[in-house]
Amino acid sequence: VSRDSNFGADSPYFQLDDEVRAGMLRDTLTEVTNPDDIWIFGYGSLMWNPGFKPFERQPATLRCYERKFHLWSTKGRGSQERPGLGLCLEPAKGSCRGIAYRLSPETRDNDLQYLWDREMTSGVYHPRWLNAELENGLGSRVLTWVVNDTHVSYAGPRPAREMARVMAGSKGKYGTCRDYLANTIAEMAKLGDRDPLFDEVLFLIDSEYAAV
Protein backbone atom coordinates (compact mmCIF):
# COMPACT_ATOMS: atom_id res chain seq x y z
CA VAL A 1 0.00 0.00 0.00
CA SER A 2 1.37 3.38 -0.96
CA ARG A 3 2.16 5.76 1.90
CA ASP A 4 3.56 8.51 -0.34
CA SER A 5 1.90 11.90 0.03
CA ASN A 6 1.74 12.23 -3.77
CA PHE A 7 -0.65 9.30 -4.01
CA GLY A 8 -3.24 9.85 -6.72
CA ALA A 9 -1.07 11.30 -9.42
CA ASP A 10 -0.51 7.87 -10.93
CA SER A 11 -3.06 5.76 -9.05
CA PRO A 12 -6.57 5.34 -10.49
CA TYR A 13 -9.63 5.86 -8.31
CA PHE A 14 -11.02 2.46 -7.37
CA GLN A 15 -14.78 1.87 -7.49
CA LEU A 16 -16.68 -1.22 -6.41
CA ASP A 17 -18.97 -2.95 -8.88
CA ASP A 18 -22.64 -2.10 -8.29
CA GLU A 19 -23.59 -5.77 -7.86
CA VAL A 20 -20.84 -6.26 -5.30
CA ARG A 21 -22.02 -3.24 -3.34
CA ALA A 22 -25.64 -4.41 -3.47
CA GLY A 23 -24.60 -7.81 -2.17
CA MET A 24 -22.68 -6.22 0.69
CA LEU A 25 -25.76 -4.21 1.65
CA ARG A 26 -27.92 -7.34 1.66
CA ASP A 27 -25.38 -9.18 3.79
CA THR A 28 -25.15 -6.28 6.23
CA LEU A 29 -28.92 -6.09 6.64
CA THR A 30 -29.15 -9.80 7.55
CA GLU A 31 -27.90 -8.73 11.00
CA VAL A 32 -30.89 -6.44 11.56
CA THR A 33 -33.23 -7.82 14.22
CA ASN A 34 -35.72 -4.93 14.24
CA PRO A 35 -36.02 -3.05 10.92
CA ASP A 36 -37.84 -0.20 12.69
CA ASP A 37 -34.90 0.40 15.02
CA ILE A 38 -31.88 0.94 12.77
CA TRP A 39 -29.28 3.44 13.98
CA ILE A 40 -26.43 4.97 11.96
CA PHE A 41 -23.29 6.40 13.59
CA GLY A 42 -21.71 9.43 11.94
CA TYR A 43 -18.22 10.63 12.87
CA GLY A 44 -17.32 12.87 9.91
CA SER A 45 -19.44 14.85 7.48
CA LEU A 46 -22.51 12.83 8.49
CA MET A 47 -22.44 14.83 11.74
CA TRP A 48 -23.26 18.12 10.01
CA ASN A 49 -24.64 16.89 6.71
CA PRO A 50 -26.46 13.55 7.11
CA GLY A 51 -28.27 13.98 3.80
CA PHE A 52 -31.51 12.44 5.08
CA LYS A 53 -34.15 13.24 7.70
CA PRO A 54 -33.70 10.96 10.73
CA PHE A 55 -36.47 9.83 13.04
CA GLU A 56 -34.21 10.56 16.01
CA ARG A 57 -30.79 12.12 16.56
CA GLN A 58 -28.55 11.66 19.58
CA PRO A 59 -24.90 12.26 20.47
CA ALA A 60 -23.21 8.92 21.00
CA THR A 61 -19.88 7.37 21.92
CA LEU A 62 -18.06 4.38 20.47
CA ARG A 63 -15.46 2.82 22.74
CA CYS A 64 -12.23 1.32 21.38
CA TYR A 65 -12.44 3.27 18.12
CA GLU A 66 -10.93 6.60 17.13
CA ARG A 67 -11.50 9.12 14.33
CA LYS A 68 -8.46 9.50 12.06
CA PHE A 69 -7.51 11.40 8.90
CA HIS A 70 -5.91 8.29 7.43
CA LEU A 71 -7.49 8.15 3.96
CA TRP A 72 -6.42 9.64 0.67
CA SER A 73 -9.23 11.71 -0.82
CA THR A 74 -9.06 12.00 -4.60
CA LYS A 75 -12.74 12.79 -5.23
CA GLY A 76 -14.66 14.40 -2.37
CA ARG A 77 -12.03 16.78 -1.00
CA GLY A 78 -9.06 16.20 -3.23
CA SER A 79 -8.13 15.22 -6.75
CA GLN A 80 -5.85 12.78 -8.52
CA GLU A 81 -3.41 15.65 -9.05
CA ARG A 82 -3.64 16.92 -5.47
CA PRO A 83 -5.07 14.38 -3.04
CA GLY A 84 -6.39 15.41 0.33
CA LEU A 85 -6.91 13.41 3.50
CA GLY A 86 -10.27 12.02 4.58
CA LEU A 87 -11.67 10.62 7.80
CA CYS A 88 -12.03 7.03 8.85
CA LEU A 89 -12.82 5.09 12.00
CA GLU A 90 -10.08 2.83 13.32
CA PRO A 91 -9.87 0.32 16.17
CA ALA A 92 -7.88 1.99 18.95
CA LYS A 93 -7.59 2.36 22.72
CA GLY A 94 -9.62 5.55 22.92
CA SER A 95 -13.17 6.47 21.94
CA CYS A 96 -15.05 8.45 19.33
CA ARG A 97 -17.86 10.92 19.98
CA GLY A 98 -20.28 11.30 17.11
CA ILE A 99 -23.94 11.44 16.18
CA ALA A 100 -26.29 8.46 16.13
CA TYR A 101 -29.29 8.69 13.81
CA ARG A 102 -32.31 6.45 14.03
CA LEU A 103 -33.74 5.90 10.58
CA SER A 104 -37.38 6.64 9.95
CA PRO A 105 -39.37 3.47 9.12
CA GLU A 106 -41.10 5.36 6.30
CA THR A 107 -37.87 6.28 4.52
CA ARG A 108 -35.58 3.54 5.84
CA ASP A 109 -34.93 1.75 2.55
CA ASN A 110 -34.22 4.94 0.61
CA ASP A 111 -32.03 6.28 3.41
CA LEU A 112 -29.99 3.09 3.57
CA GLN A 113 -29.47 3.13 -0.18
CA TYR A 114 -28.42 6.77 -0.03
CA LEU A 115 -25.92 6.05 2.74
CA TRP A 116 -24.59 3.01 0.90
CA ASP A 117 -24.06 5.03 -2.27
CA ARG A 118 -22.32 7.72 -0.21
CA GLU A 119 -20.05 5.58 1.95
CA MET A 120 -19.52 2.33 0.05
CA THR A 121 -18.44 3.49 -3.39
CA SER A 122 -14.79 2.46 -3.26
CA GLY A 123 -14.62 -0.25 -0.60
CA VAL A 124 -12.33 1.79 1.64
CA TYR A 125 -14.74 1.09 4.52
CA HIS A 126 -16.03 -2.08 6.12
CA PRO A 127 -19.69 -1.74 7.23
CA ARG A 128 -19.86 -2.77 10.88
CA TRP A 129 -22.52 -3.10 13.57
CA LEU A 130 -21.02 -1.76 16.81
CA ASN A 131 -22.29 -1.05 20.30
CA ALA A 132 -22.69 2.67 20.99
CA GLU A 133 -23.53 4.57 24.16
CA LEU A 134 -26.28 7.08 23.47
CA GLU A 135 -26.50 10.37 25.36
CA ASN A 136 -29.80 9.28 26.95
CA GLY A 137 -27.85 6.61 28.83
CA LEU A 138 -29.04 3.71 26.73
CA GLY A 139 -26.97 1.51 24.48
CA SER A 140 -27.71 0.68 20.87
CA ARG A 141 -26.23 -1.23 17.99
CA VAL A 142 -25.26 1.21 15.28
CA LEU A 143 -24.21 0.74 11.69
CA THR A 144 -21.02 2.61 10.87
CA TRP A 145 -18.04 2.45 8.56
CA VAL A 146 -14.67 1.18 9.79
CA VAL A 147 -11.53 1.59 7.71
CA ASN A 148 -10.29 -1.11 5.37
CA ASP A 149 -6.58 -0.61 6.02
CA THR A 150 -5.56 -2.86 3.12
CA HIS A 151 -7.24 -0.56 0.59
CA VAL A 152 -5.11 1.42 -1.86
CA SER A 153 -6.63 4.64 -0.47
CA TYR A 154 -5.42 3.96 3.08
CA ALA A 155 -2.76 6.58 3.87
CA GLY A 156 -2.03 5.74 7.49
CA PRO A 157 -0.68 8.10 10.16
CA ARG A 158 1.70 10.95 9.42
CA PRO A 159 3.10 14.00 11.25
CA ALA A 160 0.96 17.10 11.72
CA ARG A 161 3.13 19.22 9.43
CA GLU A 162 2.88 16.75 6.58
CA MET A 163 -0.88 16.46 7.08
CA ALA A 164 -1.17 20.25 6.91
CA ARG A 165 0.91 20.41 3.73
CA VAL A 166 -1.23 17.74 2.06
CA MET A 167 -4.57 19.15 3.19
CA ALA A 168 -3.86 22.85 2.63
CA GLY A 169 -4.28 22.91 -1.13
CA SER A 170 -6.62 19.98 -1.74
CA LYS A 171 -10.12 20.48 -3.07
CA GLY A 172 -12.77 18.13 -4.50
CA LYS A 173 -16.41 18.08 -5.50
CA TYR A 174 -17.53 18.49 -1.86
CA GLY A 175 -15.19 21.37 -1.05
CA THR A 176 -11.77 21.93 0.45
CA CYS A 177 -9.95 19.61 2.78
CA ARG A 178 -9.25 22.56 5.09
CA ASP A 179 -12.95 23.27 5.56
CA TYR A 180 -13.64 19.57 6.07
CA LEU A 181 -11.13 19.57 8.92
CA ALA A 182 -12.52 22.81 10.39
CA ASN A 183 -16.10 21.51 10.26
CA THR A 184 -15.04 18.28 11.96
CA ILE A 185 -13.33 20.20 14.76
CA ALA A 186 -16.41 22.42 15.19
CA GLU A 187 -18.80 19.47 15.40
CA MET A 188 -16.51 17.67 17.84
CA ALA A 189 -16.49 20.78 20.05
CA LYS A 190 -20.29 20.72 20.20
CA LEU A 191 -20.00 17.20 21.59
CA GLY A 192 -17.35 18.16 24.14
CA ASP A 193 -14.66 16.35 22.18
CA ARG A 194 -11.35 17.47 20.69
CA ASP A 195 -8.23 16.04 19.13
CA PRO A 196 -5.04 18.06 19.67
CA LEU A 197 -3.62 16.72 16.40
CA PHE A 198 -6.58 18.09 14.43
CA ASP A 199 -6.18 21.48 16.14
CA GLU A 200 -2.47 21.56 15.33
CA VAL A 201 -3.04 20.66 11.69
CA LEU A 202 -5.65 23.39 11.24
CA PHE A 203 -3.36 25.93 12.90
CA LEU A 204 -0.51 24.98 10.58
CA ILE A 205 -2.74 25.17 7.50
CA ASP A 206 -3.97 28.65 8.39
CA SER A 207 -0.64 30.01 9.63
CA GLU A 208 1.92 28.45 7.32
CA TYR A 209 0.23 26.89 4.31
CA ALA A 210 -2.67 29.24 3.58
CA ALA A 211 -1.08 30.41 0.34
CA VAL A 212 -0.04 26.93 -0.85
Foldseek 3Di string as FASTA:
>chain_A
DDQDLLALLPDDQAWDDPVVLVVLLVVVCVPDPDLQWAKAWDQFVCQVCVPDDFPDKFKKKAAQKDKDQFFWACAAAANSRATATDIFIEGHHGMGITMMGTHHPVCSVVSSVVVSVVPVTHPQWRWDFGWMQTPVRDIDTHTYTHGPCVDPGGNDDDALLSNLQRQLPGGHPNGGSLVSLVVSQVSLVVVVHHDVSSVSNNCCSVPPVNPD
